[in-house]
Amino acid sequence: MAMRNETREAKLEALEERIVRSAEELVSGEDWRRAMEFAARFRSRSFNNTLLIWTQHLEAYEQGRVPTPVPTWVAGYQDWKKLGRWAEAGGGYEIRSPVRVRFASATPKDPASWRRLAKGQSPRPGEVVQRRVVNVVPAHVWDVSRTHGAPLPELPTPKLLEGEAPDGLWEGLAAQVESLGYEVLRMPDCDAMRGANGMTDPETRQVLVRTDMDPAAQVKTLAHELGHVRMHGPNQQEARQHRGIGEVEAESVALMIAAAHGMDTSDYTIPYVAGWAAKVDGKDPVQVIRDTGEKVRRIAKEVLDQLDTMQLGNGQPLSLRIDAPEQTATAQAAGPASQVEPLPDRESRTMQTVAGRGL
């Protein structure tokens, strides 16, 4: 057992080193834009695991082991098996997987009342059950190109003309802005906004967007302002102190929303990554990049999940057939789904870190 634990820790340390190297390579705005586009296609996974999949797949492509530089659908061995496909031995990508177990409590507001349920153990009458992350272990996922078996259904893909906005995207974003207590105002030009395309005023609770732009630019601007509303309120002191990072976060959320809808993101501008990441005093720039990527991914996913629009897939073939969140093999063995409180995000939320390691 001790040898197994040492091997697991060594693998996790190697994965951490790979994540750090990947984050260090995001030195330009163009690199960051490509990373955000990739994260949009695999938005159900943590930003750290997105970096791991991205770099390992690119290595496989450069070695001629996969046909495309960007993966399409990625899933674990058991999930591919459920879809009637078999993963090739040695063709998987190593990621960090959360181990979730069930806890039960009759008085959930009392932190000391929660008890861990054994495998197959049922809760007592009246108890609330939650799954919690208790550990992180190495796991493998496979791109569809490294599997074989039953054909998979095709996912509809949005097709947009230049300058066109996806159907319902403006309305969906505006509804989310308004649900947060802001009024959306469409301005005839930029004169009322000091030359900007859009503006968020937390004092008047208004979001302004100029309308003398094509529809795609308008929804991009509205998504950017929604990012500000979601992330940069009066209580978000760090973002207010470092306005440059706040702009990166808002623009990155808009970029991910656009990418998930098949929109052209080539005109999205992100400042020099090494520059804005170094502006946070007392923090390692690499950690700032990782934290920013995860924050952006989480917010963009929450926005996208609330939209009733045609979007690109999230990288998981399982989502085509099953609505419940993808679970790890450990979590699947924990008990019937009816006893488990579902987590809306596959890899983060209950606990962001375990023993000092982020997922």
Protein backbone atom coordinates (compact mmCIF):
# COMPACT_ATOMS: atom_id res chain seq x y z
CA MET A 1 0.00 0.00 0.00
CA ALA A 2 2.84 2.38 0.88
CA MET A 3 4.48 1.71 -2.49
CA ARG A 4 1.16 2.37 -4.26
CA ASN A 5 0.73 5.68 -2.42
CA GLU A 6 4.29 6.73 -3.29
CA THR A 7 3.64 5.93 -6.97
CA ARG A 8 0.40 7.93 -6.91
CA GLU A 9 2.10 10.91 -5.29
CA ALA A 10 4.89 10.77 -7.84
CA LYS A 11 2.36 10.78 -10.68
CA LEU A 12 0.50 13.72 -9.15
CA GLU A 13 3.75 15.65 -8.76
CA ALA A 14 4.60 14.95 -12.41
CA LEU A 15 1.17 16.21 -13.46
CA GLU A 16 1.66 19.35 -11.37
CA GLU A 17 4.97 20.00 -13.10
CA ARG A 18 3.31 19.60 -16.50
CA ILE A 19 0.54 22.04 -15.54
CA VAL A 20 3.09 24.61 -14.38
CA ARG A 21 5.06 24.28 -17.63
CA SER A 22 1.86 24.67 -19.65
CA ALA A 23 0.87 27.79 -17.72
CA GLU A 24 4.36 29.24 -18.17
CA GLU A 25 4.02 28.79 -21.93
CA LEU A 26 0.95 31.06 -22.01
CA VAL A 27 3.12 34.13 -22.48
CA SER A 28 1.27 36.05 -25.20
CA GLY A 29 -2.30 37.20 -25.65
CA GLU A 30 -2.60 34.94 -28.69
CA ASP A 31 -1.54 31.92 -26.61
CA TRP A 32 -4.17 32.80 -24.00
CA ARG A 33 -6.87 33.20 -26.63
CA ARG A 34 -6.15 29.71 -28.00
CA ALA A 35 -6.19 28.29 -24.47
CA MET A 36 -9.58 29.87 -23.81
CA GLU A 37 -10.96 28.54 -27.11
CA PHE A 38 -9.80 25.08 -26.11
CA ALA A 39 -11.23 25.46 -22.59
CA ALA A 40 -14.58 26.42 -24.12
CA ARG A 41 -14.67 23.10 -25.99
CA PHE A 42 -13.85 21.20 -22.79
CA ARG A 43 -15.56 23.50 -20.31
CA SER A 44 -16.88 20.72 -18.06
CA ARG A 45 -13.31 20.00 -16.95
CA SER A 46 -11.13 22.06 -14.65
CA PHE A 47 -8.68 24.49 -16.23
CA ASN A 48 -5.76 22.43 -14.91
CA ASN A 49 -7.08 19.27 -16.55
CA THR A 50 -7.79 21.23 -19.73
CA LEU A 51 -4.10 22.17 -19.87
CA LEU A 52 -3.12 18.53 -19.32
CA ILE A 53 -5.37 17.26 -22.11
CA TRP A 54 -4.30 20.03 -24.47
CA THR A 55 -0.56 19.45 -24.09
CA GLN A 56 -0.71 15.65 -24.17
CA HIS A 57 -2.94 15.61 -27.25
CA LEU A 58 -0.67 18.06 -29.06
CA GLU A 59 2.31 15.83 -28.27
CA ALA A 60 0.40 12.82 -29.63
CA TYR A 61 -0.41 14.77 -32.81
CA GLU A 62 3.20 15.81 -33.32
CA GLN A 63 4.20 12.16 -32.94
CA GLY A 64 1.59 11.08 -35.50
CA ARG A 65 -0.54 9.12 -33.01
CA VAL A 66 -3.74 11.17 -33.49
CA PRO A 67 -5.11 12.70 -36.72
CA THR A 68 -5.90 16.25 -35.55
CA PRO A 69 -4.07 18.82 -33.36
CA VAL A 70 -7.19 19.42 -31.25
CA PRO A 71 -9.22 16.60 -29.66
CA THR A 72 -12.94 16.32 -30.27
CA TRP A 73 -14.54 14.11 -27.62
CA VAL A 74 -12.66 12.98 -24.51
CA ALA A 75 -13.88 10.54 -21.87
CA GLY A 76 -12.73 7.90 -19.41
CA TYR A 77 -12.51 4.18 -20.09
CA GLN A 78 -15.81 3.24 -18.44
CA ASP A 79 -17.68 6.08 -20.14
CA TRP A 80 -16.44 4.97 -23.57
CA LYS A 81 -17.46 1.42 -22.67
CA LYS A 82 -21.00 2.62 -21.91
CA LEU A 83 -21.12 4.06 -25.43
CA GLY A 84 -20.02 0.77 -26.95
CA ARG A 85 -16.46 1.87 -27.65
CA TRP A 86 -13.14 0.52 -26.41
CA ALA A 87 -10.13 2.61 -25.51
CA GLU A 88 -6.73 1.68 -26.92
CA ALA A 89 -4.14 0.49 -24.42
CA GLY A 90 -1.53 3.16 -23.81
CA GLY A 91 -3.46 5.83 -25.69
CA GLY A 92 -4.90 7.73 -22.76
CA TYR A 93 -4.05 11.14 -21.33
CA GLU A 94 -3.30 11.39 -17.63
CA ILE A 95 -5.34 13.91 -15.63
CA ARG A 96 -6.20 14.60 -12.01
CA SER A 97 -9.46 13.01 -10.92
CA PRO A 98 -11.38 13.92 -7.75
CA VAL A 99 -12.42 11.09 -5.45
CA ARG A 100 -15.88 11.80 -4.08
CA VAL A 101 -17.54 9.96 -1.23
CA ARG A 102 -20.94 10.36 0.37
CA PHE A 103 -21.58 12.06 3.68
CA ALA A 104 -24.91 12.12 5.52
CA SER A 105 -26.40 14.38 8.19
CA ALA A 106 -29.78 14.91 9.82
CA THR A 107 -28.72 18.46 10.76
CA PRO A 108 -26.79 19.68 7.69
CA LYS A 109 -26.19 23.18 9.11
CA ASP A 110 -24.01 21.63 11.83
CA PRO A 111 -20.58 20.93 10.27
CA ALA A 112 -19.74 18.38 12.98
CA SER A 113 -22.84 16.28 12.26
CA TRP A 114 -21.73 14.94 8.88
CA ARG A 115 -20.68 11.28 8.81
CA ARG A 116 -19.05 9.37 6.00
CA LEU A 117 -21.12 6.59 4.44
CA ALA A 118 -19.48 3.32 3.54
CA LYS A 119 -19.80 1.91 0.03
CA GLY A 120 -23.41 0.76 -0.46
CA GLN A 121 -24.51 2.12 2.92
CA SER A 122 -27.92 3.82 2.96
CA PRO A 123 -28.60 7.04 4.87
CA ARG A 124 -30.92 7.02 7.84
CA PRO A 125 -34.47 8.33 7.41
CA GLY A 126 -34.48 12.13 7.25
CA GLU A 127 -30.80 12.50 6.51
CA VAL A 128 -29.41 14.71 3.75
CA VAL A 129 -26.69 13.20 1.56
CA GLN A 130 -23.88 15.09 -0.16
CA ARG A 131 -20.86 13.97 -2.13
CA ARG A 132 -17.58 15.59 -1.15
CA VAL A 133 -14.12 15.46 -2.66
CA VAL A 134 -11.76 13.75 -0.23
CA ASN A 135 -8.75 13.08 -2.44
CA VAL A 136 -7.23 13.54 -5.89
CA VAL A 137 -5.81 10.62 -7.85
CA PRO A 138 -4.26 10.18 -11.30
CA ALA A 139 -6.73 8.99 -13.94
CA HIS A 140 -6.81 8.54 -17.72
CA VAL A 141 -9.07 9.84 -20.48
CA TRP A 142 -9.05 9.00 -24.18
CA ASP A 143 -9.77 11.06 -27.27
CA VAL A 144 -12.34 9.43 -29.56
CA SER A 145 -9.61 8.88 -32.16
CA ARG A 146 -7.93 6.43 -29.75
CA THR A 147 -11.10 4.36 -29.34
CA HIS A 148 -13.01 2.01 -31.63
CA GLY A 149 -16.49 0.51 -31.66
CA ALA A 150 -20.04 1.75 -32.11
CA PRO A 151 -20.53 4.99 -34.08
CA LEU A 152 -21.40 8.11 -32.12
CA PRO A 153 -24.27 10.48 -32.92
CA GLU A 154 -23.30 13.74 -34.59
CA LEU A 155 -23.75 16.86 -32.50
CA PRO A 156 -25.38 19.78 -34.35
CA THR A 157 -22.88 22.56 -35.03
CA PRO A 158 -23.83 26.25 -35.21
CA LYS A 159 -23.14 27.80 -38.63
CA LEU A 160 -22.83 31.58 -38.65
CA LEU A 161 -22.25 34.13 -41.37
CA GLU A 162 -19.66 36.84 -40.82
CA GLY A 163 -20.93 39.41 -38.32
CA GLU A 164 -23.99 37.31 -37.46
CA ALA A 165 -24.99 36.59 -33.87
CA PRO A 166 -26.34 33.19 -32.76
CA ASP A 167 -30.11 33.03 -32.42
CA GLY A 168 -31.25 33.92 -28.93
CA LEU A 169 -27.80 34.80 -27.58
CA TRP A 170 -28.46 38.51 -27.06
CA GLU A 171 -31.78 37.80 -25.36
CA GLY A 172 -30.25 35.11 -23.13
CA LEU A 173 -27.33 37.25 -22.04
CA ALA A 174 -29.54 40.29 -21.45
CA ALA A 175 -31.87 38.20 -19.30
CA GLN A 176 -28.94 37.11 -17.13
CA VAL A 177 -27.74 40.70 -16.74
CA GLU A 178 -31.23 41.80 -15.74
CA SER A 179 -31.60 38.89 -13.29
CA LEU A 180 -28.62 40.36 -11.42
CA GLY A 181 -30.41 43.68 -10.99
CA TYR A 182 -28.93 45.60 -13.93
CA GLU A 183 -30.71 47.37 -16.78
CA VAL A 184 -29.48 46.78 -20.34
CA LEU A 185 -29.52 49.92 -22.50
CA ARG A 186 -28.72 49.92 -26.22
CA MET A 187 -26.96 53.15 -27.17
CA PRO A 188 -26.90 54.54 -30.74
CA ASP A 189 -23.12 55.11 -30.75
CA CYS A 190 -20.06 55.33 -28.49
CA ASP A 191 -20.36 59.05 -27.72
CA ALA A 192 -22.23 58.38 -24.49
CA MET A 193 -19.61 55.84 -23.35
CA ARG A 194 -16.36 57.73 -23.77
CA GLY A 195 -15.51 55.86 -26.94
CA ALA A 196 -16.08 52.36 -25.55
CA ASN A 197 -18.15 49.62 -27.14
CA GLY A 198 -19.80 48.88 -23.83
CA MET A 199 -19.85 50.00 -20.22
CA THR A 200 -21.02 48.70 -16.85
CA ASP A 201 -21.99 51.24 -14.21
CA PRO A 202 -22.40 49.58 -10.79
CA GLU A 203 -23.75 52.77 -9.23
CA THR A 204 -26.67 53.23 -11.64
CA ARG A 205 -26.94 49.45 -12.17
CA GLN A 206 -26.83 49.87 -15.93
CA VAL A 207 -25.08 48.03 -18.77
CA LEU A 208 -24.65 50.06 -21.96
CA VAL A 209 -23.92 48.58 -25.39
CA ARG A 210 -23.54 50.59 -28.59
CA THR A 211 -25.67 49.42 -31.51
CA ASP A 212 -23.72 50.87 -34.45
CA MET A 213 -21.80 47.57 -34.64
CA ASP A 214 -22.72 44.27 -36.29
CA PRO A 215 -24.80 41.83 -34.19
CA ALA A 216 -21.80 39.59 -33.41
CA ALA A 217 -19.87 42.52 -31.94
CA GLN A 218 -22.90 43.55 -29.89
CA VAL A 219 -23.33 40.14 -28.26
CA LYS A 220 -19.58 39.94 -27.67
CA THR A 221 -19.73 43.28 -25.86
CA LEU A 222 -22.76 42.24 -23.84
CA ALA A 223 -21.01 38.99 -22.82
CA HIS A 224 -17.97 41.05 -21.77
CA GLU A 225 -20.13 43.33 -19.62
CA LEU A 226 -21.93 40.33 -18.10
CA GLY A 227 -18.49 39.09 -17.10
CA HIS A 228 -17.90 42.37 -15.27
CA VAL A 229 -21.30 42.15 -13.56
CA ARG A 230 -20.64 38.57 -12.45
CA MET A 231 -17.04 39.03 -11.31
CA HIS A 232 -16.26 42.68 -10.57
CA GLY A 233 -18.83 44.07 -8.20
CA PRO A 234 -18.06 46.46 -5.33
CA ASN A 235 -17.02 43.54 -3.09
CA GLN A 236 -14.42 42.19 -5.54
CA GLN A 237 -11.52 44.23 -4.23
CA GLU A 238 -8.71 42.41 -6.02
CA ALA A 239 -10.25 42.94 -9.45
CA ARG A 240 -10.97 46.58 -8.66
CA GLN A 241 -7.37 47.11 -7.57
CA HIS A 242 -5.99 45.46 -10.71
CA ARG A 243 -8.23 46.74 -13.51
CA GLY A 244 -6.07 45.11 -16.17
CA ILE A 245 -6.79 41.65 -14.81
CA GLY A 246 -10.47 42.51 -14.54
CA GLU A 247 -10.51 43.34 -18.24
CA VAL A 248 -8.71 40.08 -19.04
CA GLU A 249 -11.28 38.13 -17.04
CA ALA A 250 -14.28 39.82 -18.68
CA GLU A 251 -12.83 39.50 -22.20
CA SER A 252 -11.96 35.86 -21.56
CA VAL A 253 -15.49 35.06 -20.42
CA ALA A 254 -16.83 36.69 -23.59
CA LEU A 255 -14.30 34.74 -25.67
CA MET A 256 -15.35 31.41 -24.17
CA ILE A 257 -19.04 32.18 -24.66
CA ALA A 258 -18.39 33.10 -28.30
CA ALA A 259 -16.20 30.03 -28.91
CA ALA A 260 -18.87 27.75 -27.45
CA HIS A 261 -21.28 29.15 -30.06
CA GLY A 262 -18.90 28.69 -33.00
CA MET A 263 -18.29 32.43 -33.38
CA ASP A 264 -15.08 33.88 -34.80
CA THR A 265 -12.80 34.83 -31.90
CA SER A 266 -9.80 36.04 -33.90
CA ASP A 267 -10.45 39.69 -33.00
CA TYR A 268 -10.51 39.10 -29.24
CA THR A 269 -7.62 40.98 -27.70
CA ILE A 270 -5.90 39.81 -24.53
CA PRO A 271 -2.97 41.83 -23.15
CA TYR A 272 0.46 40.28 -22.82
CA VAL A 273 -0.14 37.46 -20.33
CA ALA A 274 3.19 37.68 -18.53
CA GLY A 275 2.49 41.39 -17.99
CA TRP A 276 -0.97 41.30 -16.43
CA ALA A 277 -0.26 38.18 -14.40
CA ALA A 278 2.74 39.84 -12.77
CA LYS A 279 0.70 42.83 -11.60
CA VAL A 280 -0.78 41.03 -8.59
CA ASP A 281 1.59 41.81 -5.74
CA GLY A 282 2.73 38.88 -3.65
CA LYS A 283 1.44 36.20 -6.02
CA ASP A 284 3.28 33.93 -8.42
CA PRO A 285 2.33 34.92 -12.01
CA VAL A 286 1.91 31.25 -12.96
CA GLN A 287 -0.57 30.77 -10.12
CA VAL A 288 -2.40 33.95 -11.17
CA ILE A 289 -2.74 32.50 -14.69
CA ARG A 290 -4.07 29.21 -13.34
CA ASP A 291 -6.49 30.90 -10.94
CA THR A 292 -7.71 33.26 -13.68
CA GLY A 293 -8.23 30.40 -16.12
CA GLU A 294 -10.27 28.42 -13.61
CA LYS A 295 -12.34 31.45 -12.57
CA VAL A 296 -13.10 32.33 -16.19
CA ARG A 297 -13.97 28.72 -17.06
CA ARG A 298 -16.35 28.43 -14.12
CA ILE A 299 -18.17 31.69 -14.82
CA ALA A 300 -18.41 31.03 -18.56
CA LYS A 301 -19.78 27.55 -17.94
CA GLU A 302 -22.41 28.91 -15.55
CA VAL A 303 -23.49 31.47 -18.14
CA LEU A 304 -23.56 28.90 -20.95
CA ASP A 305 -25.55 26.42 -18.87
CA GLN A 306 -28.31 29.01 -18.45
CA LEU A 307 -28.57 29.81 -22.17
CA ASP A 308 -31.15 28.18 -24.42
CA THR A 309 -28.98 28.45 -27.53
CA MET A 310 -27.33 26.02 -29.94
CA GLN A 311 -23.81 25.47 -28.66
CA LEU A 312 -20.83 23.32 -29.50
CA GLY A 313 -20.43 20.23 -27.33
CA ASN A 314 -18.50 20.34 -24.07
CA GLY A 315 -16.04 17.65 -25.13
CA GLN A 316 -17.84 14.79 -23.41
CA PRO A 317 -19.66 12.27 -25.62
CA LEU A 318 -21.56 11.08 -22.57
CA SER A 319 -23.43 14.39 -22.44
CA LEU A 320 -25.14 13.49 -25.73
CA ARG A 321 -27.11 10.74 -24.03
CA ILE A 322 -27.04 11.32 -20.29
CA ASP A 323 -28.02 14.58 -18.60
CA ALA A 324 -26.44 13.87 -15.20
CA PRO A 325 -22.94 15.20 -14.53
CA GLU A 326 -20.11 12.86 -15.49
CA GLN A 327 -18.82 11.02 -12.45
CA THR A 328 -15.56 9.29 -11.69
CA ALA A 329 -15.50 5.53 -11.23
CA THR A 330 -15.07 6.09 -7.51
CA ALA A 331 -18.11 8.33 -7.34
CA GLN A 332 -20.17 5.93 -9.45
CA ALA A 333 -19.48 3.17 -6.96
CA ALA A 334 -20.60 5.32 -4.05
CA GLY A 335 -24.30 4.56 -4.35
CA PRO A 336 -27.53 5.15 -6.29
CA ALA A 337 -27.86 8.55 -7.93
CA SER A 338 -31.17 9.07 -6.14
CA GLN A 339 -29.29 9.31 -2.84
CA VAL A 340 -26.72 11.79 -4.09
CA GLU A 341 -27.01 15.52 -4.40
CA PRO A 342 -25.74 16.18 -7.96
CA LEU A 343 -22.86 18.54 -8.59
CA PRO A 344 -23.31 20.89 -11.54
CA ASP A 345 -19.60 21.00 -12.25
CA ARG A 346 -17.67 17.83 -12.86
CA GLU A 347 -14.35 18.58 -11.22
CA SER A 348 -14.69 21.60 -8.97
CA ARG A 349 -17.06 23.24 -6.53
CA THR A 350 -17.35 21.14 -3.37
CA MET A 351 -13.62 21.49 -2.70
CA GLN A 352 -11.25 23.44 -4.90
CA THR A 353 -8.13 21.94 -3.35
CA VAL A 354 -7.20 18.76 -1.54
CA ALA A 355 -4.04 18.62 0.53
CA GLY A 356 -2.87 21.84 -1.08
CA ARG A 357 -3.32 20.64 -4.66
CA GLY A 358 -5.87 22.21 -7.00
CA LEU A 359 -7.69 19.88 -9.36
